C-alpha atoms as a PDB file:
ATOM      1  CA  MET A   1      16.401  37.488   6.946  1.00  0.00           C
ATOM      2  CA  CYS A   2      14.571  34.644   5.618  1.00  0.00           C
ATOM      3  CA  THR A   3      16.470  34.128   2.455  1.00  0.00           C
ATOM      4  CA  LYS A   4      19.547  34.296   4.484  1.00  0.00           C
ATOM      5  CA  ILE A   5      19.032  31.362   6.382  1.00  0.00           C
ATOM      6  CA  PHE A   6      17.854  29.259   3.453  1.00  0.00           C
ATOM      7  CA  HIS A   7      20.729  30.218   1.169  1.00  0.00           C
ATOM      8  CA  ASN A   8      23.135  28.541   4.194  1.00  0.00           C
ATOM      9  CA  CYS A   9      20.657  25.797   4.805  1.00  0.00           C
ATOM     10  CA  ASN A  10      19.982  22.558   2.710  1.00  0.00           C
ATOM     11  CA  SER A  11      18.786  20.386   5.325  1.00  0.00           C
ATOM     12  CA  PHE A  12      15.674  18.843   4.623  1.00  0.00           C
ATOM     13  CA  GLU A  13      14.614  18.315   8.620  1.00  0.00           C
ATOM     14  CA  PHE A  14      15.042  22.744   8.698  1.00  0.00           C
ATOM     15  CA  LEU A  15      12.180  22.708   5.947  1.00  0.00           C
ATOM     16  CA  PRO A  16       9.077  22.297   8.166  1.00  0.00           C
ATOM     17  CA  GLN A  17       9.722  24.923  10.509  1.00  0.00           C
ATOM     18  CA  PHE A  18       8.502  27.268   7.940  1.00  0.00           C
ATOM     19  CA  LEU A  19       5.015  25.259   8.227  1.00  0.00           C
ATOM     20  CA  SER A  20       2.117  26.102  10.247  1.00  0.00           C
ATOM     21  CA  ILE A  21       1.665  24.914  13.740  1.00  0.00           C
ATOM     22  CA  SER A  22      -2.262  23.352  12.139  1.00  0.00           C
ATOM     23  CA  GLN A  23      -0.203  21.569   9.091  1.00  0.00           C
ATOM     24  CA  LEU A  24       2.722  20.706  11.798  1.00  0.00           C
ATOM     25  CA  ASN A  25      -0.226  18.749  14.050  1.00  0.00           C
ATOM     26  CA  TYR A  26      -1.876  17.751  11.402  1.00  0.00           C
ATOM     27  CA  ALA A  27       1.138  15.827   9.709  1.00  0.00           C
ATOM     28  CA  ARG A  28       1.931  14.189  13.305  1.00  0.00           C
ATOM     29  CA  LYS A  29      -1.235  13.446  13.903  1.00  0.00           C
ATOM     30  CA  MET A  30      -1.719  11.598  10.116  1.00  0.00           C
ATOM     31  CA  GLU A  31       1.577   9.916  11.159  1.00  0.00           C
ATOM     32  CA  LYS A  32       0.599   8.173  14.098  1.00  0.00           C
ATOM     33  CA  ILE A  33      -2.229   6.748  12.363  1.00  0.00           C
ATOM     34  CA  ARG A  34      -0.585   5.332   9.305  1.00  0.00           C
ATOM     35  CA  PRO A  35      -2.461   1.796   8.499  1.00  0.00           C
ATOM     36  CA  GLY A  36      -0.675  -1.556   9.140  1.00  0.00           C
ATOM     37  CA  LYS A  37      -0.408  -4.513   7.031  1.00  0.00           C
ATOM     38  CA  PHE A  38      -4.047  -5.392   7.636  1.00  0.00           C
ATOM     39  CA  TYR A  39      -5.044  -2.407   5.795  1.00  0.00           C
ATOM     40  CA  GLU A  40      -2.239  -2.437   3.058  1.00  0.00           C
ATOM     41  CA  VAL A  41      -4.101  -6.147   2.247  1.00  0.00           C
ATOM     42  CA  ALA A  42      -7.419  -4.767   2.677  1.00  0.00           C
ATOM     43  CA  PHE A  43      -6.638  -2.473   0.108  1.00  0.00           C
ATOM     44  CA  LYS A  44      -5.642  -5.235  -2.674  1.00  0.00           C
ATOM     45  CA  ILE A  45      -8.404  -7.852  -1.518  1.00  0.00           C
ATOM     46  CA  CYS A  46     -11.242  -5.618  -1.331  1.00  0.00           C
ATOM     47  CA  PRO A  47     -11.368  -4.092  -5.026  1.00  0.00           C
ATOM     48  CA  VAL A  48     -11.167  -8.213  -6.418  1.00  0.00           C
ATOM     49  CA  LEU A  49     -13.459  -9.526  -4.030  1.00  0.00           C
ATOM     50  CA  ALA A  50     -16.184  -6.642  -5.138  1.00  0.00           C
ATOM     51  CA  LEU A  51     -15.515  -7.363  -9.153  1.00  0.00           C
ATOM     52  CA  ILE A  52     -15.845 -11.421  -8.038  1.00  0.00           C
ATOM     53  CA  PHE A  53     -19.368 -10.768  -6.255  1.00  0.00           C
ATOM     54  CA  SER A  54     -20.472  -8.813  -9.274  1.00  0.00           C
ATOM     55  CA  LEU A  55     -19.889 -11.479 -11.580  1.00  0.00           C
ATOM     56  CA  LEU A  56     -21.325 -13.940  -9.694  1.00  0.00           C
ATOM     57  CA  VAL A  57     -24.430 -11.808  -9.113  1.00  0.00           C
ATOM     58  CA  THR A  58     -24.652 -10.810 -13.097  1.00  0.00           C
ATOM     59  CA  ILE A  59     -24.326 -14.469 -14.004  1.00  0.00           C
ATOM     60  CA  THR A  60     -26.765 -16.195 -11.718  1.00  0.00           C
ATOM     61  CA  THR A  61     -29.084 -13.326 -12.052  1.00  0.00           C
ATOM     62  CA  LEU A  62     -28.982 -14.457 -16.028  1.00  0.00           C
ATOM     63  CA  TYR A  63     -28.765 -17.876 -15.696  1.00  0.00           C
ATOM     64  CA  LEU A  64     -32.108 -17.860 -13.484  1.00  0.00           C
ATOM     65  CA  ASN A  65     -33.549 -15.096 -15.848  1.00  0.00           C
ATOM     66  CA  GLU A  66     -33.222 -18.020 -18.551  1.00  0.00           C
ATOM     67  CA  GLY A  67     -32.622 -15.126 -20.967  1.00  0.00           C
ATOM     68  CA  LEU A  68     -30.548 -11.645 -21.864  1.00  0.00           C
ATOM     69  CA  SER A  69     -32.293  -8.731 -19.724  1.00  0.00           C
ATOM     70  CA  LEU A  70     -31.828  -5.531 -21.932  1.00  0.00           C
ATOM     71  CA  ILE A  71     -32.304  -3.704 -18.389  1.00  0.00           C
ATOM     72  CA  PHE A  72     -30.192  -5.711 -16.348  1.00  0.00           C
ATOM     73  CA  ILE A  73     -27.678  -5.294 -19.427  1.00  0.00           C
ATOM     74  CA  PHE A  74     -27.220  -1.818 -19.634  1.00  0.00           C
ATOM     75  CA  ILE A  75     -27.652  -1.897 -15.326  1.00  0.00           C
ATOM     76  CA  SER A  76     -24.077  -3.812 -15.217  1.00  0.00           C
ATOM     77  CA  ILE A  77     -22.503  -1.856 -18.026  1.00  0.00           C
ATOM     78  CA  GLN A  78     -23.361   1.237 -16.624  1.00  0.00           C
ATOM     79  CA  VAL A  79     -21.336  -0.238 -12.835  1.00  0.00           C
ATOM     80  CA  TYR A  80     -18.414  -0.719 -14.758  1.00  0.00           C
ATOM     81  CA  LEU A  81     -18.232   1.443 -16.392  1.00  0.00           C
ATOM     82  CA  ASN A  82     -18.459   4.082 -13.838  1.00  0.00           C
ATOM     83  CA  TRP A  83     -16.106   1.795 -11.905  1.00  0.00           C
ATOM     84  CA  TYR A  84     -13.530   2.386 -14.631  1.00  0.00           C
ATOM     85  CA  SER A  85     -13.731   5.703 -14.724  1.00  0.00           C
ATOM     86  CA  ILE A  86     -13.033   6.041 -10.681  1.00  0.00           C
ATOM     87  CA  CYS A  87     -10.343   4.079 -11.418  1.00  0.00           C
ATOM     88  CA  LYS A  88      -9.064   6.199 -14.625  1.00  0.00           C
ATOM     89  CA  ILE A  89     -10.048   9.347 -13.340  1.00  0.00           C
ATOM     90  CA  SER A  90      -8.350   8.781  -9.452  1.00  0.00           C
ATOM     91  CA  SER A  91      -5.044   7.053 -11.426  1.00  0.00           C
ATOM     92  CA  ASN A  92      -4.251   9.631 -13.798  1.00  0.00           C
ATOM     93  CA  ALA A  93      -5.134  12.775 -11.490  1.00  0.00           C
ATOM     94  CA  ARG A  94      -1.754  14.737 -10.422  1.00  0.00           C
ATOM     95  CA  THR A  95      -1.333  17.318  -7.801  1.00  0.00           C
ATOM     96  CA  MET A  96       0.408  20.899  -8.781  1.00  0.00           C
ATOM     97  CA  ARG A  97       3.477  20.697  -7.303  1.00  0.00           C
ATOM     98  CA  ASP A  98       5.657  23.718  -7.314  1.00  0.00           C
ATOM     99  CA  ASN A  99       8.287  23.840 -10.568  1.00  0.00           C
ATOM    100  CA  TYR A 100      10.934  24.741  -8.011  1.00  0.00           C
ATOM    101  CA  THR A 101      11.395  21.146  -6.752  1.00  0.00           C
ATOM    102  CA  LYS A 102      11.987  19.628 -10.293  1.00  0.00           C
ATOM    103  CA  ASN A 103      15.362  21.469 -10.827  1.00  0.00           C
ATOM    104  CA  ASP A 104      16.489  23.656  -7.624  1.00  0.00           C
ATOM    105  CA  ASN A 105      17.036  22.686  -4.070  1.00  0.00           C
ATOM    106  CA  ILE A 106      14.221  22.710  -1.212  1.00  0.00           C
ATOM    107  CA  ALA A 107      15.936  25.784   0.420  1.00  0.00           C
ATOM    108  CA  SER A 108      14.750  27.742  -2.749  1.00  0.00           C
ATOM    109  CA  VAL A 109      11.206  26.192  -2.966  1.00  0.00           C
ATOM    110  CA  ALA A 110      10.760  27.373   0.984  1.00  0.00           C
ATOM    111  CA  ILE A 111      11.873  30.863  -0.060  1.00  0.00           C
ATOM    112  CA  ARG A 112       9.788  31.487  -2.922  1.00  0.00           C
ATOM    113  CA  ILE A 113       7.039  30.658  -0.369  1.00  0.00           C
ATOM    114  CA  THR A 114       8.087  32.663   1.923  1.00  0.00           C
ATOM    115  CA  GLN A 115       8.534  35.570  -0.344  1.00  0.00           C
ATOM    116  CA  GLU A 116       4.969  35.028  -1.951  1.00  0.00           C
ATOM    117  CA  GLU A 117       3.003  34.783   1.402  1.00  0.00           C
ATOM    118  CA  ASP A 118       5.077  38.207   2.628  1.00  0.00           C
ATOM    119  CA  SER A 119       3.622  39.799  -0.046  1.00  0.00           C
ATOM    120  CA  GLY A 120       0.245  38.567   0.230  1.00  0.00           C
ATOM    121  CA  THR A 121      -1.101  36.104  -2.309  1.00  0.00           C
ATOM    122  CA  LYS A 122      -3.535  34.328  -1.480  1.00  0.00           C
ATOM    123  CA  LEU A 123      -2.272  31.280  -2.863  1.00  0.00           C
ATOM    124  CA  LYS A 124      -1.873  28.601  -0.233  1.00  0.00           C
ATOM    125  CA  TYR A 125       0.734  25.964   0.059  1.00  0.00           C
ATOM    126  CA  TRP A 126       0.173  22.247   1.931  1.00  0.00           C
ATOM    127  CA  TYR A 127       3.266  20.314   2.696  1.00  0.00           C
ATOM    128  CA  CYS A 128       3.654  16.250   2.141  1.00  0.00           C
ATOM    129  CA  GLU A 129       6.141  14.647   4.341  1.00  0.00           C
ATOM    130  CA  TYR A 130       5.153  11.347   2.357  1.00  0.00           C
ATOM    131  CA  CYS A 131       5.840  13.128  -1.074  1.00  0.00           C
ATOM    132  CA  THR A 132       8.493  15.325   0.364  1.00  0.00           C
ATOM    133  CA  CYS A 133       7.118  18.612  -1.955  1.00  0.00           C
ATOM    134  CA  TYR A 134       4.785  21.219  -1.821  1.00  0.00           C
ATOM    135  CA  THR A 135       1.425  21.519  -3.377  1.00  0.00           C
ATOM    136  CA  TYR A 136      -1.404  23.928  -4.019  1.00  0.00           C
ATOM    137  CA  ARG A 137      -4.681  23.450  -1.630  1.00  0.00           C
ATOM    138  CA  PRO A 138      -6.661  21.350  -0.888  1.00  0.00           C
ATOM    139  CA  THR A 139      -4.624  18.731  -0.548  1.00  0.00           C
ATOM    140  CA  GLN A 140      -4.988  15.432   0.650  1.00  0.00           C
ATOM    141  CA  HIS A 141      -1.938  12.006   0.842  1.00  0.00           C
ATOM    142  CA  CYS A 142      -3.616   9.013   0.080  1.00  0.00           C
ATOM    143  CA  ARG A 143      -1.236   5.810   1.639  1.00  0.00           C
ATOM    144  CA  ALA A 144      -3.244   3.161  -0.847  1.00  0.00           C
ATOM    145  CA  CYS A 145      -2.461   5.106  -4.086  1.00  0.00           C
ATOM    146  CA  LYS A 146       0.849   6.440  -2.391  1.00  0.00           C
ATOM    147  CA  LYS A 147       0.193   9.705  -3.880  1.00  0.00           C
ATOM    148  CA  CYS A 148      -1.719  13.689  -3.057  1.00  0.00           C
ATOM    149  CA  PHE A 149      -4.808  14.531  -4.541  1.00  0.00           C
ATOM    150  CA  HIS A 150      -6.663  17.945  -4.858  1.00  0.00           C
ATOM    151  CA  TYR A 151      -9.982  18.143  -3.593  1.00  0.00           C
ATOM    152  CA  ARG A 152     -10.143  14.838  -2.466  1.00  0.00           C
ATOM    153  CA  ASP A 153     -13.338  13.115  -0.074  1.00  0.00           C
ATOM    154  CA  HIS A 154     -11.947   9.470   0.611  1.00  0.00           C
ATOM    155  CA  HIS A 155     -10.398   6.207  -0.201  1.00  0.00           C
ATOM    156  CA  CYS A 156     -13.372   3.227  -1.677  1.00  0.00           C
ATOM    157  CA  PHE A 157     -12.158   0.007  -0.386  1.00  0.00           C
ATOM    158  CA  PHE A 158     -14.797  -1.761  -2.921  1.00  0.00           C
ATOM    159  CA  ILE A 159     -13.852   0.221  -5.351  1.00  0.00           C
ATOM    160  CA  GLY A 160      -9.965   0.455  -5.484  1.00  0.00           C
ATOM    161  CA  GLY A 161      -9.530   4.268  -6.273  1.00  0.00           C
ATOM    162  CA  CYS A 162      -9.591   7.650  -4.618  1.00  0.00           C
ATOM    163  CA  ILE A 163     -13.565   9.738  -4.490  1.00  0.00           C
ATOM    164  CA  LEU A 164     -12.561  13.518  -5.973  1.00  0.00           C
ATOM    165  CA  GLN A 165     -14.052  16.329  -7.017  1.00  0.00           C
ATOM    166  CA  LEU A 166     -13.049  15.244 -10.199  1.00  0.00           C
ATOM    167  CA  ASN A 167     -14.864  11.725 -10.231  1.00  0.00           C
ATOM    168  CA  MET A 168     -17.834  12.153  -7.324  1.00  0.00           C
ATOM    169  CA  GLY A 169     -20.742  12.493  -9.913  1.00  0.00           C
ATOM    170  CA  ASN A 170     -19.287   8.689 -11.195  1.00  0.00           C
ATOM    171  CA  PHE A 171     -19.539   7.620  -7.680  1.00  0.00           C
ATOM    172  CA  ILE A 172     -22.642   8.476  -7.052  1.00  0.00           C
ATOM    173  CA  LEU A 173     -23.802   7.199 -10.183  1.00  0.00           C
ATOM    174  CA  ILE A 174     -22.469   3.889  -8.967  1.00  0.00           C
ATOM    175  CA  CYS A 175     -23.598   4.371  -5.918  1.00  0.00           C
ATOM    176  CA  PHE A 176     -27.667   4.161  -7.570  1.00  0.00           C
ATOM    177  CA  TYR A 177     -26.598   1.725 -10.271  1.00  0.00           C
ATOM    178  CA  THR A 178     -25.431  -0.995  -7.928  1.00  0.00           C
ATOM    179  CA  SER A 179     -28.620  -0.467  -5.844  1.00  0.00           C
ATOM    180  CA  LEU A 180     -30.745  -0.631  -9.116  1.00  0.00           C
ATOM    181  CA  ALA A 181     -28.439  -3.544 -10.538  1.00  0.00           C
ATOM    182  CA  CYS A 182     -28.930  -5.498  -6.851  1.00  0.00           C
ATOM    183  CA  CYS A 183     -32.778  -4.586  -6.878  1.00  0.00           C
ATOM    184  CA  TYR A 184     -33.539  -6.282 -10.086  1.00  0.00           C
ATOM    185  CA  SER A 185     -31.199  -9.135  -9.117  1.00  0.00           C
ATOM    186  CA  SER A 186     -33.285  -9.617  -5.830  1.00  0.00           C
ATOM    187  CA  THR A 187     -36.274  -9.581  -7.825  1.00  0.00           C
ATOM    188  CA  ILE A 188     -35.390 -12.307  -9.760  1.00  0.00           C
ATOM    189  CA  ILE A 189     -33.532 -14.923  -7.205  1.00  0.00           C
ATOM    190  CA  GLY A 190     -36.499 -13.990  -4.442  1.00  0.00           C
ATOM    191  CA  PRO A 191     -39.118 -16.091  -6.412  1.00  0.00           C
ATOM    192  CA  HIS A 192     -36.531 -19.388  -7.243  1.00  0.00           C
ATOM    193  CA  ILE A 193     -35.961 -19.251  -3.033  1.00  0.00           C
ATOM    194  CA  TYR A 194     -39.774 -19.470  -2.569  1.00  0.00           C
ATOM    195  CA  ASP A 195     -40.384 -21.933  -4.940  1.00  0.00           C
ATOM    196  CA  SER A 196     -37.709 -23.900  -3.335  1.00  0.00           C
ATOM    197  CA  LEU A 197     -38.854 -23.255  -0.073  1.00  0.00           C
ATOM    198  CA  SER A 198     -42.910 -24.128  -0.678  1.00  0.00           C
ATOM    199  CA  GLU A 199     -42.528 -27.109   0.845  1.00  0.00           C
ATOM    200  CA  ILE A 200     -41.037 -26.069   3.825  1.00  0.00           C
ATOM    201  CA  ILE A 201     -43.124 -22.591   4.137  1.00  0.00           C
ATOM    202  CA  GLY A 202     -46.639 -23.942   3.223  1.00  0.00           C
ATOM    203  CA  GLU A 203     -49.155 -22.298   1.735  1.00  0.00           C
ATOM    204  CA  LYS A 204     -51.318 -20.771   4.065  1.00  0.00           C
ATOM    205  CA  SER A 205     -47.726 -19.614   5.838  1.00  0.00           C
ATOM    206  CA  SER A 206     -47.691 -16.347   7.902  1.00  0.00           C
ATOM    207  CA  TYR A 207     -45.702 -13.100   5.945  1.00  0.00           C
ATOM    208  CA  ILE A 208     -43.337 -13.298   9.389  1.00  0.00           C
ATOM    209  CA  ASN A 209     -42.987 -16.717   8.343  1.00  0.00           C
ATOM    210  CA  ILE A 210     -41.603 -16.377   5.115  1.00  0.00           C
ATOM    211  CA  PHE A 211     -39.856 -13.447   6.256  1.00  0.00           C
ATOM    212  CA  LEU A 212     -37.660 -15.861   8.443  1.00  0.00           C
ATOM    213  CA  ASN A 213     -37.358 -18.385   5.876  1.00  0.00           C
ATOM    214  CA  PHE A 214     -35.769 -15.596   3.723  1.00  0.00           C
ATOM    215  CA  CYS A 215     -33.238 -15.153   6.053  1.00  0.00           C
ATOM    216  CA  PHE A 216     -29.420 -15.914   6.536  1.00  0.00           C
ATOM    217  CA  PRO A 217     -29.374 -17.051   9.784  1.00  0.00           C
ATOM    218  CA  VAL A 218     -32.637 -19.028  10.169  1.00  0.00           C
ATOM    219  CA  ALA A 219     -31.464 -20.658   6.608  1.00  0.00           C
ATOM    220  CA  PHE A 220     -28.234 -21.879   8.029  1.00  0.00           C
ATOM    221  CA  ALA A 221     -29.341 -22.797  11.629  1.00  0.00           C
ATOM    222  CA  ARG A 222     -31.900 -24.991   9.340  1.00  0.00           C
ATOM    223  CA  PHE A 223     -28.909 -26.354   8.023  1.00  0.00           C
ATOM    224  CA  LEU A 224     -26.926 -26.853  10.459  1.00  0.00           C
ATOM    225  CA  ILE A 225     -29.666 -29.109  12.146  1.00  0.00           C
ATOM    226  CA  THR A 226     -31.469 -30.717   9.945  1.00  0.00           C
ATOM    227  CA  GLY A 227     -28.926 -30.890   7.273  1.00  0.00           C
ATOM    228  CA  GLN A 228     -30.910 -29.346   4.551  1.00  0.00           C
ATOM    229  CA  GLY A 229     -29.123 -26.943   2.479  1.00  0.00           C
ATOM    230  CA  THR A 230     -31.731 -26.065   0.148  1.00  0.00           C
ATOM    231  CA  CYS A 231     -30.961 -23.081  -1.834  1.00  0.00           C
ATOM    232  CA  LEU A 232     -29.125 -21.727   0.725  1.00  0.00           C
ATOM    233  CA  PHE A 233     -26.106 -20.218  -1.569  1.00  0.00           C
ATOM    234  CA  LEU A 234     -29.474 -18.188  -2.889  1.00  0.00           C
ATOM    235  CA  ILE A 235     -30.441 -17.352   0.511  1.00  0.00           C
ATOM    236  CA  ILE A 236     -26.942 -16.253   1.256  1.00  0.00           C
ATOM    237  CA  LEU A 237     -27.332 -14.111  -1.998  1.00  0.00           C
ATOM    238  CA  PHE A 238     -30.407 -12.727  -1.849  1.00  0.00           C
ATOM    239  CA  ASN A 239     -29.552 -11.068   1.766  1.00  0.00           C
ATOM    240  CA  SER A 240     -26.325  -9.384   0.605  1.00  0.00           C
ATOM    241  CA  LEU A 241     -27.891  -7.845  -2.648  1.00  0.00           C
ATOM    242  CA  ILE A 242     -30.542  -6.104  -0.293  1.00  0.00           C
ATOM    243  CA  SER A 243     -27.495  -4.914   2.050  1.00  0.00           C
ATOM    244  CA  VAL A 244     -25.649  -4.057  -0.682  1.00  0.00           C
ATOM    245  CA  SER A 245     -28.972  -1.906  -2.225  1.00  0.00           C
ATOM    246  CA  ILE A 246     -29.800  -0.438   0.834  1.00  0.00           C
ATOM    247  CA  VAL A 247     -26.010   1.083   1.558  1.00  0.00           C
ATOM    248  CA  CYS A 248     -25.418   2.040  -2.213  1.00  0.00           C
ATOM    249  CA  PHE A 249     -28.978   3.933  -2.134  1.00  0.00           C
ATOM    250  CA  LEU A 250     -28.851   5.713   1.260  1.00  0.00           C
ATOM    251  CA  TYR A 251     -24.529   6.604   0.847  1.00  0.00           C
ATOM    252  CA  GLY A 252     -25.238   8.203  -3.184  1.00  0.00           C
ATOM    253  CA  SER A 253     -28.269   9.941  -1.807  1.00  0.00           C
ATOM    254  CA  TRP A 254     -26.224  11.335   1.202  1.00  0.00           C
ATOM    255  CA  LYS A 255     -23.100  12.813  -1.225  1.00  0.00           C
ATOM    256  CA  LEU A 256     -25.671  14.004  -3.628  1.00  0.00           C
ATOM    257  CA  PHE A 257     -27.424  15.866  -0.977  1.00  0.00           C
ATOM    258  CA  CYS A 258     -23.869  17.313   0.971  1.00  0.00           C
ATOM    259  CA  CYS A 259     -22.970  18.545  -3.189  1.00  0.00           C
ATOM    260  CA  LEU A 260     -26.253  20.058  -3.486  1.00  0.00           C
ATOM    261  CA  SER A 261     -26.820  21.635   0.157  1.00  0.00           C
ATOM    262  CA  GLY A 262     -23.212  22.876   0.143  1.00  0.00           C
ATOM    263  CA  LYS A 263     -22.436  20.437   3.165  1.00  0.00           C
ATOM    264  CA  GLN A 264     -19.804  18.246   1.091  1.00  0.00           C
ATOM    265  CA  ARG A 265     -15.853  19.338   2.318  1.00  0.00           C
ATOM    266  CA  TYR A 266     -12.589  18.846   0.316  1.00  0.00           C
ATOM    267  CA  TYR A 267     -10.591  19.621   3.466  1.00  0.00           C
ATOM    268  CA  PRO A 268      -9.226  22.089   4.363  1.00  0.00           C
ATOM    269  CA  HIS A 269     -11.670  24.096   1.782  1.00  0.00           C
ATOM    270  CA  VAL A 270     -14.880  25.466   2.982  1.00  0.00           C
ATOM    271  CA  ALA A 271     -18.092  23.753   1.782  1.00  0.00           C
ATOM    272  CA  ARG A 272     -20.091  25.338  -1.015  1.00  0.00           C
ATOM    273  CA  ARG A 273     -23.104  24.583  -3.223  1.00  0.00           C
ATOM    274  CA  VAL A 274     -22.751  22.864  -6.146  1.00  0.00           C
ATOM    275  CA  GLU A 275     -24.927  22.448  -9.156  1.00  0.00           C
ATOM    276  CA  LEU A 276     -25.407  18.964 -10.708  1.00  0.00           C
ATOM    277  CA  LYS A 277     -23.769  20.011 -14.141  1.00  0.00           C
ATOM    278  CA  GLU A 278     -20.522  20.992 -11.906  1.00  0.00           C
ATOM    279  CA  ILE A 279     -21.447  17.221  -9.943  1.00  0.00           C
ATOM    280  CA  PHE A 280     -21.643  14.869 -13.189  1.00  0.00           C
ATOM    281  CA  GLY A 281     -19.910  16.622 -15.800  1.00  0.00           C
ATOM    282  CA  SER A 282     -20.324  18.995 -18.743  1.00  0.00           C
ATOM    283  CA  TYR A 283     -22.823  16.501 -20.789  1.00  0.00           C
ATOM    284  CA  GLY A 284     -25.435  17.201 -18.268  1.00  0.00           C
ATOM    285  CA  ILE A 285     -28.040  13.792 -18.760  1.00  0.00           C
ATOM    286  CA  TRP A 286     -26.136  12.651 -21.019  1.00  0.00           C
ATOM    287  CA  ASN A 287     -23.689  11.077 -18.370  1.00  0.00           C
ATOM    288  CA  PHE A 288     -26.262   9.032 -16.380  1.00  0.00           C
ATOM    289  CA  ILE A 289     -26.584   6.804 -19.987  1.00  0.00           C
ATOM    290  CA  PHE A 290     -22.099   7.125 -20.672  1.00  0.00           C
ATOM    291  CA  PRO A 291     -20.087   8.600 -18.645  1.00  0.00           C
ATOM    292  CA  TYR A 292     -18.822  10.788 -21.503  1.00  0.00           C
ATOM    293  CA  ASN A 293     -16.308  13.015 -18.832  1.00  0.00           C
ATOM    294  CA  GLY A 294     -15.007  10.486 -17.157  1.00  0.00           C
ATOM    295  CA  LEU A 295     -13.975   8.084 -19.660  1.00  0.00           C
ATOM    296  CA  LEU A 296     -12.670  11.022 -22.492  1.00  0.00           C
ATOM    297  CA  GLY A 297     -11.454  13.411 -20.044  1.00  0.00           C
ATOM    298  CA  LEU A 298     -10.811  14.614 -16.285  1.00  0.00           C
ATOM    299  CA  GLY A 299     -12.490  18.013 -16.839  1.00  0.00           C
ATOM    300  CA  ASP A 300     -11.537  21.814 -14.704  1.00  0.00           C
ATOM    301  CA  LEU A 301     -12.383  22.606 -11.286  1.00  0.00           C
ATOM    302  CA  ASN A 302     -14.001  25.890 -11.660  1.00  0.00           C
ATOM    303  CA  GLY A 303     -10.964  26.725 -14.081  1.00  0.00           C
ATOM    304  CA  LYS A 304      -8.165  26.663 -11.143  1.00  0.00           C
ATOM    305  CA  TYR A 305      -7.167  22.895 -10.727  1.00  0.00           C
ATOM    306  CA  SER A 306      -7.209  20.128 -13.922  1.00  0.00           C
ATOM    307  CA  GLY A 307      -7.071  17.092 -13.214  1.00  0.00           C
ATOM    308  CA  ASP A 308      -3.562  16.626 -14.789  1.00  0.00           C
ATOM    309  CA  GLY A 309      -2.135  19.462 -12.543  1.00  0.00           C
ATOM    310  CA  VAL A 310      -1.923  22.334 -14.809  1.00  0.00           C
ATOM    311  CA  LYS A 311      -3.550  25.719 -13.707  1.00  0.00           C
END
């Protein structure tokens, strides 16, 4: 019956009738929350701002340290390598589209899907209204990247790419290495701020007074009232580093915990526990020193989905 109907139909509008109610509701919901121009600008500006901030921190730290620190250089290289790996995997990832979409019309695709579902096959399909094609589940469409991804977690504004199951290990590592880099820079910048504020703080000042003078609101208020902007730039940078360090460490730890405990969900798949080797790649602990899996290849998702969309 379905075959006869589709042989007489070449209209694209008729295709969603073969979608489930949950798929249609999800598509309509996503259509309502289409991002505006503000989000489109944020998608483009945030990665540039993050790169400028990282370079500014690196240059300032090396300048104040009055020499090259091998530890800081190693941590910085890890941040940039994992950043590049995430963007590379995100840009190269492809979904497993139905082969019929390349040669046949839409009706033929719908006929094939309907017949496979009726035959009891376990393959499940997801229709994307933006890419106008069927893909295998679990799949989500990213409006920032303008394409679909398998096992997608979220789009990171500051990295400029989608976080998938394939690059989740690189994302966790960049969170931890960013936190370490910020902590190291704080230990270099902090003493310089203290020396610059020694006349204001005093020798017998309390810890609370020292803490308040290191806070940006107090330093900015002092600058507005007295006009003394002593190391205001370093104070702003110091506060930013502390904030970024805490946020990155907590979020990276949370993502690692979710993966190990089975709370990590890639819609609409059921969550399951994964091992460290699945998260960080087949090279194991070597990926903490150099992101081999991210730079040398995308890898495989449990033998089912690969990064280039080949099954």
